[in-house]
Protein backbone atom coordinates (compact mmCIF):
# COMPACT_ATOMS: atom_id res chain seq x y z
CA UNK A 1 72.07 76.24 -153.45
CA UNK A 2 75.63 76.59 -154.78
CA UNK A 3 77.98 73.71 -154.06
CA UNK A 4 81.72 74.24 -154.43
CA UNK A 5 82.85 70.72 -153.67
CA UNK A 6 81.72 67.38 -152.34
CA UNK A 7 83.27 68.28 -148.96
CA UNK A 8 81.36 71.59 -148.87
CA UNK A 9 78.10 69.78 -149.66
CA UNK A 10 78.80 67.29 -146.88
CA UNK A 11 79.52 70.10 -144.42
CA UNK A 12 76.31 71.91 -145.40
CA UNK A 13 74.33 68.68 -144.87
CA UNK A 14 75.94 68.32 -141.45
CA UNK A 15 75.14 71.94 -140.54
CA UNK A 16 71.47 71.34 -141.30
CA UNK A 17 71.54 68.05 -139.37
CA UNK A 18 73.15 69.47 -136.23
CA UNK A 19 70.97 72.58 -136.25
CA UNK A 20 67.85 70.45 -136.54
CA UNK A 21 69.05 68.26 -133.66
CA UNK A 22 69.99 71.27 -131.55
CA UNK A 23 66.61 72.90 -132.06
CA UNK A 24 64.94 69.61 -131.12
CA UNK A 25 67.09 69.50 -127.98
CA UNK A 26 66.06 73.08 -127.17
CA UNK A 27 62.39 72.11 -127.58
CA UNK A 28 62.95 69.33 -125.05
CA UNK A 29 64.79 71.67 -122.62
CA UNK A 30 62.07 74.32 -122.71
CA UNK A 31 59.27 71.73 -122.54
CA UNK A 32 60.73 70.23 -119.35
CA UNK A 33 61.36 73.67 -117.84
CA UNK A 34 57.78 74.70 -118.56
CA UNK A 35 56.49 71.50 -116.96
CA UNK A 36 58.31 72.29 -113.71
CA UNK A 37 57.75 76.05 -113.88
CA UNK A 38 53.98 75.73 -114.19
CA UNK A 39 54.03 74.19 -110.73
CA UNK A 40 56.82 76.15 -109.00
CA UNK A 41 57.89 79.20 -111.05
CA UNK A 42 54.83 80.42 -112.99
CA UNK A 43 56.41 83.81 -113.72
CA UNK A 44 58.95 82.05 -115.99
CA UNK A 45 56.30 80.31 -118.11
CA UNK A 46 55.42 83.15 -120.55
CA UNK A 47 59.05 83.73 -121.57
CA UNK A 48 59.80 80.02 -121.76
CA UNK A 49 56.67 79.44 -123.86
CA UNK A 50 57.67 82.18 -126.30
CA UNK A 51 61.16 80.71 -126.62
CA UNK A 52 59.68 77.24 -127.13
CA UNK A 53 57.59 78.61 -130.00
CA UNK A 54 60.72 80.02 -131.62
CA UNK A 55 62.58 76.73 -131.24
CA UNK A 56 59.71 74.79 -132.83
CA UNK A 57 59.75 77.16 -135.78
CA UNK A 58 63.55 76.86 -136.10
CA UNK A 59 63.39 73.06 -135.93
CA UNK A 60 60.78 72.98 -138.70
CA UNK A 61 62.90 75.31 -140.87
CA UNK A 62 65.94 73.05 -140.58
CA UNK A 63 63.84 69.93 -141.20
CA UNK A 64 62.47 71.54 -144.36
CA UNK A 65 66.02 72.39 -145.49
CA UNK A 66 67.19 68.76 -145.28
CA UNK A 67 65.91 67.15 -148.52
CA UNK A 68 67.48 69.63 -150.96
CA UNK A 69 70.81 69.33 -149.13
CA UNK A 70 70.77 65.53 -148.97
CA UNK A 71 70.65 65.66 -145.19
CA UNK A 72 68.71 63.60 -142.70
CA UNK A 73 68.04 63.74 -138.95
CA UNK A 74 71.02 63.18 -136.69
CA UNK A 75 71.88 59.64 -135.64
CA UNK A 76 72.31 60.74 -132.02
CA UNK A 77 68.87 62.36 -131.72
CA UNK A 78 68.20 60.36 -128.56
CA UNK A 79 71.08 62.20 -126.84
CA UNK A 80 69.57 65.51 -127.86
CA UNK A 81 66.09 64.36 -126.85
CA UNK A 82 66.73 62.74 -123.47
CA UNK A 83 69.68 64.97 -122.64
CA UNK A 84 67.67 68.10 -123.41
CA UNK A 85 64.70 66.97 -121.36
CA UNK A 86 66.85 65.95 -118.40
CA UNK A 87 68.83 69.18 -118.54
CA UNK A 88 65.64 71.25 -118.66
CA UNK A 89 64.03 69.31 -115.83
CA UNK A 90 67.05 69.45 -113.51
CA UNK A 91 67.84 73.12 -114.12
CA UNK A 92 64.18 74.04 -113.55
CA UNK A 93 64.29 72.26 -110.19
CA UNK A 94 67.11 74.67 -109.27
CA UNK A 95 64.68 77.57 -109.68
CA UNK A 96 64.55 80.55 -112.01
CA UNK A 97 68.29 81.16 -111.73
CA UNK A 98 68.95 77.58 -112.84
CA UNK A 99 66.57 78.02 -115.77
CA UNK A 100 68.19 81.24 -116.95
CA UNK A 101 71.73 79.94 -116.39
CA UNK A 102 70.86 76.98 -118.61
CA UNK A 103 69.34 79.19 -121.29
CA UNK A 104 72.32 81.56 -121.24
CA UNK A 105 74.83 78.71 -121.50
CA UNK A 106 73.05 76.90 -124.33
CA UNK A 107 72.31 80.05 -126.31
CA UNK A 108 75.88 81.36 -125.97
CA UNK A 109 77.26 78.06 -127.33
CA UNK A 110 74.67 78.03 -130.12
CA UNK A 111 75.46 81.64 -131.02
CA UNK A 112 79.18 80.83 -131.43
CA UNK A 113 78.40 77.89 -133.70
CA UNK A 114 75.88 79.85 -135.76
CA UNK A 115 78.52 82.54 -136.35
CA UNK A 116 80.93 79.86 -137.59
CA UNK A 117 78.23 78.41 -139.83
CA UNK A 118 77.36 81.81 -141.28
CA UNK A 119 81.01 82.38 -142.12
CA UNK A 120 81.22 78.98 -143.83
CA UNK A 121 77.93 79.35 -145.72
CA UNK A 122 78.66 82.80 -147.15
CA UNK A 123 78.93 82.25 -150.90
CA UNK A 124 78.09 78.56 -150.58
CA UNK A 125 74.37 78.44 -149.69
CA UNK A 126 72.62 81.79 -149.73
CA UNK A 127 69.20 80.42 -148.71
CA UNK A 128 70.50 78.52 -145.68
CA UNK A 129 72.69 81.51 -144.77
CA UNK A 130 69.57 83.71 -144.70
CA UNK A 131 67.63 81.19 -142.62
CA UNK A 132 70.42 80.91 -140.05
CA UNK A 133 70.89 84.68 -139.96
CA UNK A 134 67.24 85.25 -139.02
CA UNK A 135 67.27 82.39 -136.50
CA UNK A 136 70.45 83.75 -134.91
CA UNK A 137 68.63 86.97 -134.05
CA UNK A 138 65.95 85.11 -132.10
CA UNK A 139 68.55 82.95 -130.37
CA UNK A 140 70.46 86.09 -129.44
CA UNK A 141 67.28 87.58 -127.94
CA UNK A 142 66.93 84.40 -125.81
CA UNK A 143 70.53 84.84 -124.61
CA UNK A 144 69.99 88.51 -123.76
CA UNK A 145 66.76 87.77 -121.89
CA UNK A 146 68.40 84.99 -119.87
CA UNK A 147 71.37 87.17 -118.95
CA UNK A 148 69.05 89.98 -117.86
CA UNK A 149 67.27 87.54 -115.52
CA UNK A 150 70.45 86.31 -113.84
CA UNK A 151 71.02 88.14 -110.57
CA UNK A 152 74.71 88.28 -109.67
CA UNK A 153 75.54 84.67 -110.59
CA UNK A 154 77.88 83.07 -108.10
CA UNK A 155 80.46 80.33 -108.56
CA UNK A 156 77.88 77.51 -108.66
CA UNK A 157 75.85 79.13 -111.43
CA UNK A 158 79.04 79.91 -113.33
CA UNK A 159 80.11 76.28 -112.97
CA UNK A 160 76.68 75.13 -114.18
CA UNK A 161 76.91 77.44 -117.21
CA UNK A 162 80.40 76.18 -118.04
CA UNK A 163 79.35 72.53 -117.77
CA UNK A 164 76.28 73.08 -119.98
CA UNK A 165 78.34 75.01 -122.53
CA UNK A 166 80.99 72.27 -122.77
CA UNK A 167 78.31 69.58 -123.08
CA UNK A 168 76.55 71.55 -125.84
CA UNK A 169 79.84 72.01 -127.72
CA UNK A 170 80.58 68.27 -127.43
CA UNK A 171 77.16 67.30 -128.79
CA UNK A 172 77.58 69.73 -131.69
CA UNK A 173 81.03 68.31 -132.43
CA UNK A 174 79.73 64.73 -132.34
CA UNK A 175 76.76 65.59 -134.52
CA UNK A 176 78.93 67.26 -137.20
CA UNK A 177 81.70 64.63 -137.11
CA UNK A 178 84.17 67.37 -136.24
CA UNK A 179 83.13 69.82 -138.99
CA UNK A 180 82.29 72.35 -136.28
CA UNK A 181 85.98 72.42 -135.27
CA UNK A 182 87.13 72.93 -138.87
CA UNK A 183 84.65 75.79 -139.34
CA UNK A 184 85.87 77.45 -136.14
CA UNK A 185 89.50 77.22 -137.30
CA UNK A 186 88.61 78.64 -140.73
CA UNK A 187 86.77 81.55 -139.13
CA UNK A 188 89.70 82.36 -136.83
CA UNK A 189 92.19 82.14 -139.73
CA UNK A 190 90.05 84.49 -141.84
CA UNK A 191 89.72 87.00 -139.00
CA UNK A 192 93.49 87.09 -138.49
CA UNK A 193 94.30 87.27 -142.21
């Protein structure tokens, strides 16, 4: 790992922390959705189970990346844990469209943040950059699958997606102490330069 400054090292530690927390939250979302789907929407279970497997693998990868980057699990893990489970449970009660709206909203927010992280990590942490790059592809496949399952989403599903996306962004911001905002600004400045 190449560190350019103390601030860069701190940001890298926060990236690992928030990604670990986010993957844990995703595990909780999918676990709750599977619980409900087994009873009411069994056709959703195979896809949800595959996605859950990916999220467990991602969570383990970020946990393994913590020690060498002087990172530790997020202090607000309970928000990710209980919030993820509640979100998964409630959206599953709405039916398959609720499940896929939730997945699409979360994965779209995650994808934006992973892009910002990849931009920041380029030249700073090659190993973590590679890990996130491979994880981003699986997250993108989750997003595509969810969007394919959504049948002409109406205003309520669009409102649900927007609310989930804003909540996800807020949790990411809180978990990175605002570093996510600085990375977004840096990415936009670089794209317009």
